């Protein structure tokens, strides 16, 4: 199974707010530090 070998991230995004939260989670997972643009997008 793929999940046993490689982390798999599954999303069910239906709103802009959910999309922004998902992007924030992804950026955190990969260690991104320059995420001020995401706060601006949320505003």
Protein backbone atom coordinates (compact mmCIF):
# COMPACT_ATOMS: atom_id res chain seq x y z
CA UNK A 1 0.00 0.00 0.00
CA UNK A 2 1.20 3.50 -0.81
CA UNK A 3 0.39 4.88 2.65
CA UNK A 4 2.69 2.33 4.23
CA UNK A 5 5.65 3.70 2.24
CA UNK A 6 4.91 7.38 1.63
CA UNK A 7 2.89 9.82 3.73
CA UNK A 8 -0.33 10.64 1.91
CA UNK A 9 -2.31 13.81 2.63
CA UNK A 10 -5.95 13.74 1.61
CA UNK A 11 -8.13 16.84 1.72
CA UNK A 12 -11.78 17.67 1.17
CA UNK A 13 -11.81 21.40 0.56
CA UNK A 14 -15.11 23.11 -0.11
CA UNK A 15 -14.54 26.71 0.94
CA UNK A 16 -11.86 29.35 0.61
CA UNK A 17 -11.33 29.28 4.39
CA UNK A 18 -10.77 25.53 4.26
CA UNK A 19 -8.32 25.99 1.38
CA UNK A 20 -6.33 28.57 3.31
CA UNK A 21 -6.24 26.36 6.40
CA UNK A 22 -5.09 23.44 4.28
CA UNK A 23 -2.32 25.50 2.69
CA UNK A 24 -1.24 26.64 6.16
CA UNK A 25 -1.04 23.03 7.33
CA UNK A 26 0.96 22.03 4.27
CA UNK A 27 3.39 24.92 4.65
CA UNK A 28 3.90 24.04 8.31
CA UNK A 29 4.51 20.40 7.40
CA UNK A 30 7.30 21.33 4.99
CA UNK A 31 8.83 23.88 7.33
CA UNK A 32 7.98 27.00 5.34
CA UNK A 33 8.66 30.18 7.27
CA UNK A 34 7.66 32.98 4.89
CA UNK A 35 3.89 32.66 5.17
CA UNK A 36 2.85 36.30 5.70
CA UNK A 37 1.15 36.21 2.30
CA UNK A 38 -1.22 33.57 3.63
CA UNK A 39 -2.41 35.90 6.39
CA UNK A 40 -2.94 38.61 3.79
CA UNK A 41 -4.96 36.19 1.65
CA UNK A 42 -7.13 35.31 4.64
CA UNK A 43 -7.86 38.96 5.29
